[in-house]
Amino acid sequence: MWSSARQIAAGDLVVIWLTRDMIQPLLITPGKDFNSKFGNYRQSDLIGLPYGSKVRSHNGKGFIHVLRPTPELWTMALPHRTQILYMADIAFITSYLDIKRGSRVIEAGTGSGSFSHSVARTIGSPGHLWSYEFHEARANKAREEFERHGMSDIITLTHRNVCKEGFTVVDTVDSVFLDLPAPWDAVEHAKKALRKDRTTRICCFSPCMEQVLRTVSALNDAGFTGITMYETLLRPHDVTQIPTLITVDQIGERIKGLEQKREEKRLRQIASGRAGRYADPQTQLAASTSTSTGTGSTAAGTNASAGSKRKRDGDGDGDSGEVGVETIQFPASSSSTSEISTTQAFHQQQPQQQEIIGSDDEDEANNDTRISVSKAYPEVRGHTSYLTFAVLQPMVSARPLAIQVPVEASVEDGGAQVQASSSTSGS
């Protein structure tokens, strides 16, 4: 087919990849330039580069990729003369028709040659593809492309109206693909072209359901079996890499660590409140006096607020603050000791908490290992056409059955007498 060399040579056909939506073929011709919105490129500079090279423009506007042609890339880059088949339909048809290396296939409706290039690669040099196109200008253009791409020994292109004139081969091919406006008119001709010594298959490509109904009726009348219809829809997937997900056990340990941290914070607040509540009133008054830097009225306001606070603490039973100490069983003398011991316990538990939750260095180490995930887009690419498949079973030839003439026996006068046919010779 196309060039199999590692490097680009003059006269080779390459595929220029600009963006995902901008792909075009280019015949390498020394002395010419390739211009696009991504810059200017001299084609002579592309000669000698390996296929797949990334080439930067001379004016620094951008870059392009120079790729080796494949049927998939050619389907995306070819000049459209008609509606074409894309890879989703091509792959499904090739699989269902059991097209493989060495197969002999008929294609009715060459069009832009998208399906022809894929079939030619699949069947290889041992196989053969008979392609028919009723439009003369499209047939001549496709024939030139097949010759330029080195497929003339695999593909035989004929300008012919197969619906009226039929195919040029009889009892030869393994499968038939019909991409015609009225495929039901070519079903009988396709039956004649299919082999009769093995199971063969046919596929009709129709964009409308009315065409499918008429095609199914014609296939039934022609004796085809296993008639089925499919519609191929394409759902793109976005594949990205994310850090390795943590296990459920690790999540549980982190939740426990967060809960423990929240509980420690609550205990610290309780201990701090107890220390302030059961402190000596004279000590509070001295502390407030020593820290006051304002006027006397400010100090008086501070003392008044402290006194009102002590009064509120004792309002529950109508007694002094000492009664409150005895009621909740937290003596003032042991409050500072309790606070210190609780704080020490908190600090002793801090290393264990860090070990459970994990440090930032461990998270960065886990991020080094990444996994690939696939996310399907919600929209599905629309309908192209309906694919109607059918199977033609091999014909069983009727052979004449050998009839044996029985030997007649009769018994007369108590003795046995054998009567043989006239063809029996006597001794």
Protein backbone atom coordinates (compact mmCIF):
# COMPACT_ATOMS: atom_id res chain seq x y z
CA MET A 1 0.00 0.00 0.00
CA TRP A 2 1.72 3.17 1.18
CA SER A 3 5.45 3.56 1.73
CA SER A 4 6.85 1.16 4.32
CA ALA A 5 10.20 2.95 4.68
CA ARG A 6 11.17 4.47 8.00
CA GLN A 7 11.96 7.89 6.57
CA ILE A 8 10.00 10.26 4.34
CA ALA A 9 11.07 10.40 0.68
CA ALA A 10 10.12 12.62 -2.23
CA GLY A 11 6.81 11.53 -3.78
CA ASP A 12 5.51 9.89 -0.58
CA LEU A 13 2.00 10.56 0.62
CA VAL A 14 1.97 11.73 4.25
CA VAL A 15 -0.75 12.82 6.64
CA ILE A 16 -0.30 16.23 8.25
CA TRP A 17 -1.78 16.33 11.75
CA LEU A 18 -2.61 19.92 12.68
CA THR A 19 -5.29 19.39 15.34
CA ARG A 20 -7.78 16.63 16.14
CA ASP A 21 -10.23 18.25 13.73
CA MET A 22 -7.68 19.36 11.10
CA ILE A 23 -5.97 16.46 9.33
CA GLN A 24 -5.04 16.54 5.66
CA PRO A 25 -2.98 14.49 3.20
CA LEU A 26 0.11 15.90 1.49
CA LEU A 27 2.14 14.58 -1.42
CA ILE A 28 5.78 15.45 -0.73
CA THR A 29 7.04 17.58 -3.63
CA PRO A 30 10.48 19.24 -3.35
CA GLY A 31 10.38 22.97 -4.10
CA LYS A 32 6.87 23.49 -2.76
CA ASP A 33 5.75 24.87 0.58
CA PHE A 34 3.00 23.85 2.95
CA ASN A 35 1.18 26.82 4.49
CA SER A 36 -1.32 26.77 7.34
CA LYS A 37 -2.34 28.94 10.26
CA PHE A 38 0.37 27.14 12.24
CA GLY A 39 3.16 28.46 10.02
CA ASN A 40 5.09 27.85 6.82
CA TYR A 41 6.94 24.60 6.07
CA ARG A 42 9.23 23.76 3.15
CA GLN A 43 8.42 20.27 1.87
CA SER A 44 12.08 19.67 1.01
CA ASP A 45 12.85 19.96 4.75
CA LEU A 46 10.50 17.04 5.45
CA ILE A 47 12.48 14.64 3.25
CA GLY A 48 14.63 12.34 5.34
CA LEU A 49 12.69 12.84 8.57
CA PRO A 50 11.27 9.75 10.28
CA TYR A 51 7.51 9.27 10.09
CA GLY A 52 5.83 10.69 13.17
CA SER A 53 8.23 13.63 13.51
CA LYS A 54 7.18 16.88 15.09
CA VAL A 55 8.24 19.75 12.83
CA ARG A 56 8.32 23.40 13.91
CA SER A 57 7.55 26.23 11.50
CA HIS A 58 10.12 28.67 10.21
CA ASN A 59 8.27 31.71 11.49
CA GLY A 60 7.73 30.18 14.93
CA LYS A 61 3.93 30.22 14.80
CA GLY A 62 3.47 26.57 15.65
CA PHE A 63 4.28 22.98 14.68
CA ILE A 64 2.83 19.97 12.83
CA HIS A 65 3.17 16.19 13.00
CA VAL A 66 4.03 14.27 9.83
CA LEU A 67 2.46 10.80 10.02
CA ARG A 68 2.50 7.65 7.91
CA PRO A 69 -0.89 7.06 6.21
CA THR A 70 -3.12 4.32 7.57
CA PRO A 71 -6.73 3.47 6.63
CA GLU A 72 -7.87 5.11 9.86
CA LEU A 73 -5.99 8.34 9.16
CA TRP A 74 -7.01 8.27 5.50
CA THR A 75 -10.68 8.07 6.52
CA MET A 76 -10.19 11.24 8.57
CA ALA A 77 -8.14 13.08 5.94
CA LEU A 78 -9.52 11.99 2.54
CA PRO A 79 -11.33 14.44 0.24
CA HIS A 80 -15.05 13.72 0.51
CA ARG A 81 -16.71 13.02 -2.81
CA THR A 82 -19.68 11.29 -1.16
CA GLN A 83 -20.83 10.37 2.32
CA ILE A 84 -18.21 8.02 3.73
CA LEU A 85 -18.06 5.17 6.23
CA TYR A 86 -16.19 5.84 9.44
CA MET A 87 -14.18 3.40 11.49
CA ALA A 88 -16.99 2.40 13.86
CA ASP A 89 -19.09 1.08 10.95
CA ILE A 90 -16.09 -0.24 8.99
CA ALA A 91 -14.81 -2.32 11.91
CA PHE A 92 -18.25 -3.78 12.61
CA ILE A 93 -18.90 -4.65 8.95
CA THR A 94 -15.48 -6.23 8.54
CA SER A 95 -16.01 -8.39 11.61
CA TYR A 96 -19.57 -9.46 10.83
CA LEU A 97 -18.82 -10.32 7.18
CA ASP A 98 -15.83 -12.37 8.38
CA ILE A 99 -13.46 -10.51 6.07
CA LYS A 100 -9.90 -11.68 6.69
CA ARG A 101 -6.63 -12.18 4.88
CA GLY A 102 -7.24 -13.91 1.58
CA SER A 103 -10.97 -13.11 1.42
CA ARG A 104 -12.64 -12.17 -1.88
CA VAL A 105 -15.09 -9.30 -1.47
CA ILE A 106 -17.46 -7.24 -3.61
CA GLU A 107 -18.13 -3.58 -2.83
CA ALA A 108 -20.93 -1.83 -4.69
CA GLY A 109 -20.64 1.94 -4.29
CA THR A 110 -16.95 2.93 -4.17
CA GLY A 111 -17.65 6.56 -3.30
CA SER A 112 -14.65 8.23 -1.66
CA GLY A 113 -12.82 4.93 -1.07
CA SER A 114 -12.88 4.90 2.73
CA PHE A 115 -14.18 1.33 3.01
CA SER A 116 -11.99 0.20 0.10
CA HIS A 117 -8.74 1.17 1.83
CA SER A 118 -9.65 -0.68 5.02
CA VAL A 119 -10.72 -3.84 3.18
CA ALA A 120 -7.57 -3.79 1.04
CA ARG A 121 -5.40 -3.79 4.16
CA THR A 122 -7.45 -6.60 5.74
CA ILE A 123 -7.47 -9.02 2.79
CA GLY A 124 -3.86 -8.34 1.77
CA SER A 125 -2.24 -9.52 -1.47
CA PRO A 126 -3.78 -13.05 -1.33
CA GLY A 127 -7.30 -11.60 -1.39
CA HIS A 128 -9.11 -9.42 -3.89
CA LEU A 129 -11.71 -6.65 -3.84
CA TRP A 130 -14.08 -6.00 -6.74
CA SER A 131 -15.39 -2.43 -6.39
CA TYR A 132 -18.18 -0.96 -8.55
CA GLU A 133 -19.14 2.69 -9.00
CA PHE A 134 -21.92 3.90 -11.30
CA HIS A 135 -20.67 7.55 -11.35
CA GLU A 136 -17.92 7.79 -13.95
CA ALA A 137 -16.09 10.83 -12.56
CA ARG A 138 -15.94 9.34 -9.06
CA ALA A 139 -14.81 6.01 -10.48
CA ASN A 140 -11.91 7.62 -12.38
CA LYS A 141 -10.82 9.62 -9.33
CA ALA A 142 -10.91 6.55 -7.09
CA ARG A 143 -8.95 4.51 -9.64
CA GLU A 144 -6.21 7.14 -9.67
CA GLU A 145 -6.00 7.07 -5.87
CA PHE A 146 -5.79 3.27 -5.78
CA GLU A 147 -2.94 3.29 -8.29
CA ARG A 148 -1.10 6.07 -6.45
CA HIS A 149 -1.48 4.22 -3.13
CA GLY A 150 -0.21 0.92 -4.58
CA MET A 151 -3.53 -0.97 -4.41
CA SER A 152 -4.18 -1.64 -8.09
CA ASP A 153 -3.14 -5.30 -7.71
CA ILE A 154 -5.65 -5.83 -4.86
CA ILE A 155 -8.61 -3.72 -6.05
CA THR A 156 -10.39 -4.01 -9.40
CA LEU A 157 -12.55 -0.93 -9.96
CA THR A 158 -15.32 -1.05 -12.57
CA HIS A 159 -17.64 1.72 -13.76
CA ARG A 160 -20.97 -0.12 -13.81
CA ASN A 161 -24.59 0.08 -12.69
CA VAL A 162 -24.87 -3.16 -10.79
CA CYS A 163 -28.59 -2.77 -10.10
CA LYS A 164 -29.32 -3.23 -13.82
CA GLU A 165 -26.26 -4.97 -15.23
CA GLY A 166 -25.17 -7.09 -12.28
CA PHE A 167 -21.60 -7.95 -11.29
CA THR A 168 -18.72 -9.15 -13.44
CA VAL A 169 -18.04 -12.28 -11.36
CA VAL A 170 -20.21 -15.33 -10.69
CA ASP A 171 -19.94 -17.84 -7.83
CA THR A 172 -16.64 -16.28 -6.72
CA VAL A 173 -16.77 -14.02 -3.65
CA ASP A 174 -17.09 -14.71 0.08
CA SER A 175 -19.04 -11.57 1.00
CA VAL A 176 -20.84 -8.63 -0.60
CA PHE A 177 -21.21 -5.07 0.70
CA LEU A 178 -23.91 -2.89 -0.89
CA ASP A 179 -23.81 0.88 -0.34
CA LEU A 180 -26.49 1.80 -2.88
CA PRO A 181 -29.63 3.97 -2.95
CA ALA A 182 -31.71 0.89 -3.83
CA PRO A 183 -29.84 -2.19 -2.56
CA TRP A 184 -32.90 -4.44 -3.01
CA ASP A 185 -32.43 -4.21 -6.79
CA ALA A 186 -28.95 -5.75 -6.48
CA VAL A 187 -29.76 -8.60 -4.08
CA GLU A 188 -30.38 -11.20 -6.82
CA HIS A 189 -27.17 -10.18 -8.62
CA ALA A 190 -25.27 -10.47 -5.34
CA LYS A 191 -26.63 -13.98 -4.82
CA LYS A 192 -25.21 -15.02 -8.20
CA ALA A 193 -21.78 -13.59 -7.32
CA LEU A 194 -21.55 -15.36 -3.95
CA ARG A 195 -19.95 -18.77 -3.65
CA LYS A 196 -22.26 -21.76 -3.35
CA ASP A 197 -19.84 -24.21 -1.75
CA ARG A 198 -19.64 -22.45 1.61
CA THR A 199 -21.53 -20.06 3.90
CA THR A 200 -21.39 -16.51 2.58
CA ARG A 201 -22.66 -13.16 3.88
CA ILE A 202 -24.07 -9.88 2.64
CA CYS A 203 -24.39 -6.41 4.20
CA CYS A 204 -26.57 -3.51 3.02
CA PHE A 205 -25.83 0.05 4.18
CA SER A 206 -29.04 2.12 4.27
CA PRO A 207 -29.68 5.49 5.93
CA CYS A 208 -33.50 5.18 6.07
CA MET A 209 -35.76 2.62 7.71
CA GLU A 210 -37.93 2.41 4.57
CA GLN A 211 -34.89 1.20 2.65
CA VAL A 212 -34.23 -1.41 5.34
CA LEU A 213 -37.78 -2.79 5.06
CA ARG A 214 -37.58 -3.19 1.29
CA THR A 215 -34.11 -4.73 1.55
CA VAL A 216 -35.27 -7.27 4.14
CA SER A 217 -38.17 -8.30 1.88
CA ALA A 218 -35.79 -8.79 -1.06
CA LEU A 219 -33.39 -10.85 1.07
CA ASN A 220 -36.22 -13.09 2.24
CA ASP A 221 -37.41 -13.63 -1.32
CA ALA A 222 -33.87 -14.50 -2.45
CA GLY A 223 -33.47 -17.23 0.18
CA PHE A 224 -31.14 -15.49 2.61
CA THR A 225 -31.36 -16.42 6.30
CA GLY A 226 -30.28 -14.91 9.62
CA ILE A 227 -31.39 -11.42 8.61
CA THR A 228 -30.47 -8.86 11.28
CA MET A 229 -30.18 -5.09 11.43
CA TYR A 230 -27.79 -3.03 13.57
CA GLU A 231 -27.17 0.65 14.22
CA THR A 232 -23.68 1.66 15.29
CA LEU A 233 -23.40 4.54 17.75
CA LEU A 234 -20.16 6.02 19.04
CA ARG A 235 -19.61 7.03 22.67
CA PRO A 236 -16.28 8.82 23.23
CA HIS A 237 -14.32 8.20 26.44
CA ASP A 238 -11.89 10.57 28.12
CA VAL A 239 -8.94 8.65 29.58
CA THR A 240 -6.93 10.47 32.25
CA GLN A 241 -4.45 9.60 34.99
CA ILE A 242 -5.17 10.21 38.67
CA PRO A 243 -3.25 9.40 41.88
CA THR A 244 -3.69 5.92 43.30
CA LEU A 245 -6.88 5.68 45.30
CA ILE A 246 -6.50 4.90 49.01
CA THR A 247 -8.14 1.78 50.41
CA VAL A 248 -11.20 1.65 52.64
CA ASP A 249 -9.03 0.71 55.62
CA GLN A 250 -6.87 3.79 55.11
CA ILE A 251 -9.96 5.97 54.89
CA GLY A 252 -11.24 4.47 58.16
CA GLU A 253 -7.94 5.14 59.92
CA ARG A 254 -7.93 8.74 58.74
CA ILE A 255 -11.49 9.25 59.93
CA LYS A 256 -10.55 7.82 63.34
CA GLY A 257 -7.59 10.18 63.50
CA LEU A 258 -9.79 13.19 62.70
CA GLU A 259 -12.33 12.14 65.31
CA GLN A 260 -9.57 11.72 67.89
CA LYS A 261 -8.22 15.17 67.07
CA ARG A 262 -11.69 16.68 67.44
CA GLU A 263 -12.15 14.98 70.81
CA GLU A 264 -8.78 16.25 72.06
CA LYS A 265 -9.73 19.76 71.07
CA ARG A 266 -12.98 19.44 72.99
CA LEU A 267 -11.17 18.16 76.11
CA ARG A 268 -8.71 21.06 75.94
CA GLN A 269 -11.58 23.53 75.84
CA ILE A 270 -13.20 21.83 78.84
CA ALA A 271 -9.93 21.86 80.80
CA SER A 272 -9.35 25.51 79.97
CA GLY A 273 -12.85 26.40 81.14
CA ARG A 274 -12.37 24.51 84.42
CA ALA A 275 -9.09 26.26 85.11
CA GLY A 276 -10.69 29.69 84.68
CA ARG A 277 -13.81 28.78 86.68
CA TYR A 278 -12.11 27.42 89.84
CA ALA A 279 -9.24 29.91 90.11
CA ASP A 280 -8.84 31.94 93.39
CA PRO A 281 -10.86 35.21 93.20
CA GLN A 282 -7.97 37.19 94.75
CA THR A 283 -5.63 35.81 92.10
CA GLN A 284 -8.03 36.86 89.33
CA LEU A 285 -8.31 40.34 90.86
CA ALA A 286 -4.54 40.68 91.10
CA ALA A 287 -4.06 39.50 87.53
CA SER A 288 -6.66 41.89 86.19
CA THR A 289 -5.12 44.77 88.15
CA SER A 290 -1.58 44.07 86.98
CA THR A 291 -2.57 43.77 83.31
CA SER A 292 -4.71 46.90 83.33
CA THR A 293 -3.02 49.90 81.59
CA GLY A 294 -5.98 52.24 81.45
CA THR A 295 -7.66 54.53 83.98
CA GLY A 296 -9.21 53.57 87.25
CA SER A 297 -12.63 53.32 85.70
CA THR A 298 -11.32 50.62 83.39
CA ALA A 299 -9.96 48.63 86.31
CA ALA A 300 -13.25 49.08 88.14
CA GLY A 301 -15.13 47.83 85.12
CA THR A 302 -12.89 44.80 84.97
CA ASN A 303 -13.43 44.05 88.68
CA ALA A 304 -17.17 44.50 88.26
CA SER A 305 -17.26 42.08 85.33
CA ALA A 306 -15.20 39.55 87.26
CA GLY A 307 -17.51 39.90 90.23
CA SER A 308 -20.60 39.50 88.09
CA LYS A 309 -19.09 36.40 86.52
CA ARG A 310 -18.47 34.86 89.93
CA LYS A 311 -22.00 35.74 90.89
CA ARG A 312 -23.43 34.01 87.82
CA ASP A 313 -21.39 30.92 88.59
CA GLY A 314 -23.01 30.71 92.01
CA ASP A 315 -26.54 31.63 90.97
CA GLY A 316 -27.50 28.02 90.42
CA ASP A 317 -27.79 27.21 94.16
CA GLY A 318 -27.88 30.74 95.61
CA ASP A 319 -24.55 30.24 97.44
CA SER A 320 -20.95 31.23 96.90
CA GLY A 321 -18.59 29.76 94.35
CA GLU A 322 -17.32 27.19 96.88
CA VAL A 323 -20.71 25.47 96.92
CA GLY A 324 -20.47 25.10 93.15
CA VAL A 325 -17.11 23.39 93.56
CA GLU A 326 -18.53 20.80 95.94
CA THR A 327 -21.62 20.18 93.79
CA ILE A 328 -19.75 19.17 90.58
CA GLN A 329 -16.95 17.53 92.58
CA PHE A 330 -14.02 19.41 91.12
CA PRO A 331 -12.00 20.99 93.95
CA ALA A 332 -10.14 24.17 93.12
CA SER A 333 -6.92 22.77 94.54
CA SER A 334 -6.84 19.94 92.01
CA SER A 335 -7.94 21.92 88.94
CA SER A 336 -4.46 23.01 87.95
CA THR A 337 -3.10 19.49 88.45
CA SER A 338 -5.90 18.03 86.33
CA GLU A 339 -5.21 20.57 83.61
CA ILE A 340 -1.51 19.76 83.56
CA SER A 341 -2.04 15.99 83.47
CA THR A 342 -4.62 16.30 80.68
CA THR A 343 -2.32 18.50 78.62
CA GLN A 344 0.55 16.04 79.04
CA ALA A 345 -1.72 13.21 77.88
CA PHE A 346 -2.62 15.26 74.79
CA HIS A 347 1.03 15.78 73.89
CA GLN A 348 1.75 12.09 74.37
CA GLN A 349 -1.02 11.19 71.93
CA GLN A 350 0.12 13.64 69.23
CA PRO A 351 2.79 11.33 67.66
CA GLN A 352 0.28 8.48 67.47
CA GLN A 353 -2.22 10.76 65.74
CA GLN A 354 0.38 11.85 63.15
CA GLU A 355 1.21 8.21 62.51
CA ILE A 356 -2.44 7.32 61.85
CA ILE A 357 -3.27 10.26 59.59
CA GLY A 358 -0.01 10.24 57.69
CA SER A 359 2.39 13.03 56.81
CA ASP A 360 2.56 15.15 53.66
CA ASP A 361 5.68 13.27 52.54
CA GLU A 362 3.72 10.02 52.54
CA ASP A 363 0.93 11.64 50.45
CA GLU A 364 3.48 12.87 47.92
CA ALA A 365 4.96 9.37 47.73
CA ASN A 366 1.52 7.91 47.07
CA ASN A 367 0.92 10.47 44.30
CA ASP A 368 3.92 9.11 42.39
CA THR A 369 1.89 6.01 41.55
CA ARG A 370 -0.93 6.95 39.16
CA ILE A 371 -3.70 4.93 37.54
CA SER A 372 -5.64 5.46 34.31
CA VAL A 373 -9.38 6.01 34.51
CA SER A 374 -11.95 6.33 31.73
CA LYS A 375 -14.87 8.74 31.80
CA ALA A 376 -17.60 8.41 29.17
CA TYR A 377 -19.06 11.56 27.69
CA PRO A 378 -22.82 11.88 28.26
CA GLU A 379 -23.58 12.60 24.60
CA VAL A 380 -23.52 9.89 21.93
CA ARG A 381 -22.57 10.66 18.35
CA GLY A 382 -25.55 10.44 16.07
CA HIS A 383 -26.88 7.96 13.60
CA THR A 384 -25.11 7.35 10.28
CA SER A 385 -26.94 4.41 8.69
CA TYR A 386 -28.53 1.04 9.37
CA LEU A 387 -26.54 -2.13 8.67
CA THR A 388 -28.63 -5.07 7.43
CA PHE A 389 -26.84 -8.43 7.46
CA ALA A 390 -27.90 -11.79 6.01
CA VAL A 391 -26.40 -15.24 5.45
CA LEU A 392 -26.58 -17.47 2.38
CA GLN A 393 -26.20 -21.15 3.16
CA PRO A 394 -24.33 -23.43 0.72
CA MET A 395 -26.37 -25.39 -1.79
CA VAL A 396 -26.53 -29.16 -1.34
CA SER A 397 -26.34 -30.98 -4.68
CA ALA A 398 -28.86 -33.82 -5.14
CA ARG A 399 -27.15 -37.11 -6.00
CA PRO A 400 -29.09 -40.09 -7.49
CA LEU A 401 -29.58 -42.92 -5.02
CA ALA A 402 -28.34 -46.41 -6.00
CA ILE A 403 -31.31 -48.80 -6.12
CA GLN A 404 -30.57 -52.42 -5.46
CA VAL A 405 -32.79 -54.97 -7.20
CA PRO A 406 -33.91 -57.55 -4.65
CA VAL A 407 -33.54 -61.21 -5.42
CA GLU A 408 -36.94 -62.84 -5.82
CA ALA A 409 -37.40 -66.29 -4.36
CA SER A 410 -40.23 -68.68 -4.87
CA VAL A 411 -40.85 -72.17 -3.51
CA GLU A 412 -42.50 -74.73 -5.78
CA ASP A 413 -43.21 -78.46 -5.27
CA GLY A 414 -41.43 -78.36 -1.93
CA GLY A 415 -38.13 -77.42 -3.59
CA ALA A 416 -36.31 -74.06 -3.70
CA GLN A 417 -35.98 -72.27 -7.03
CA VAL A 418 -34.15 -68.93 -7.25
CA GLN A 419 -35.09 -66.51 -10.02
CA ALA A 420 -32.39 -63.97 -10.77
CA SER A 421 -32.59 -60.88 -12.88
CA SER A 422 -31.85 -61.07 -16.56
CA SER A 423 -28.54 -59.33 -16.06
CA THR A 424 -27.23 -62.25 -13.97
CA SER A 425 -24.94 -64.47 -15.97
CA GLY A 426 -25.07 -68.26 -15.51
CA SER A 427 -22.17 -70.50 -14.97
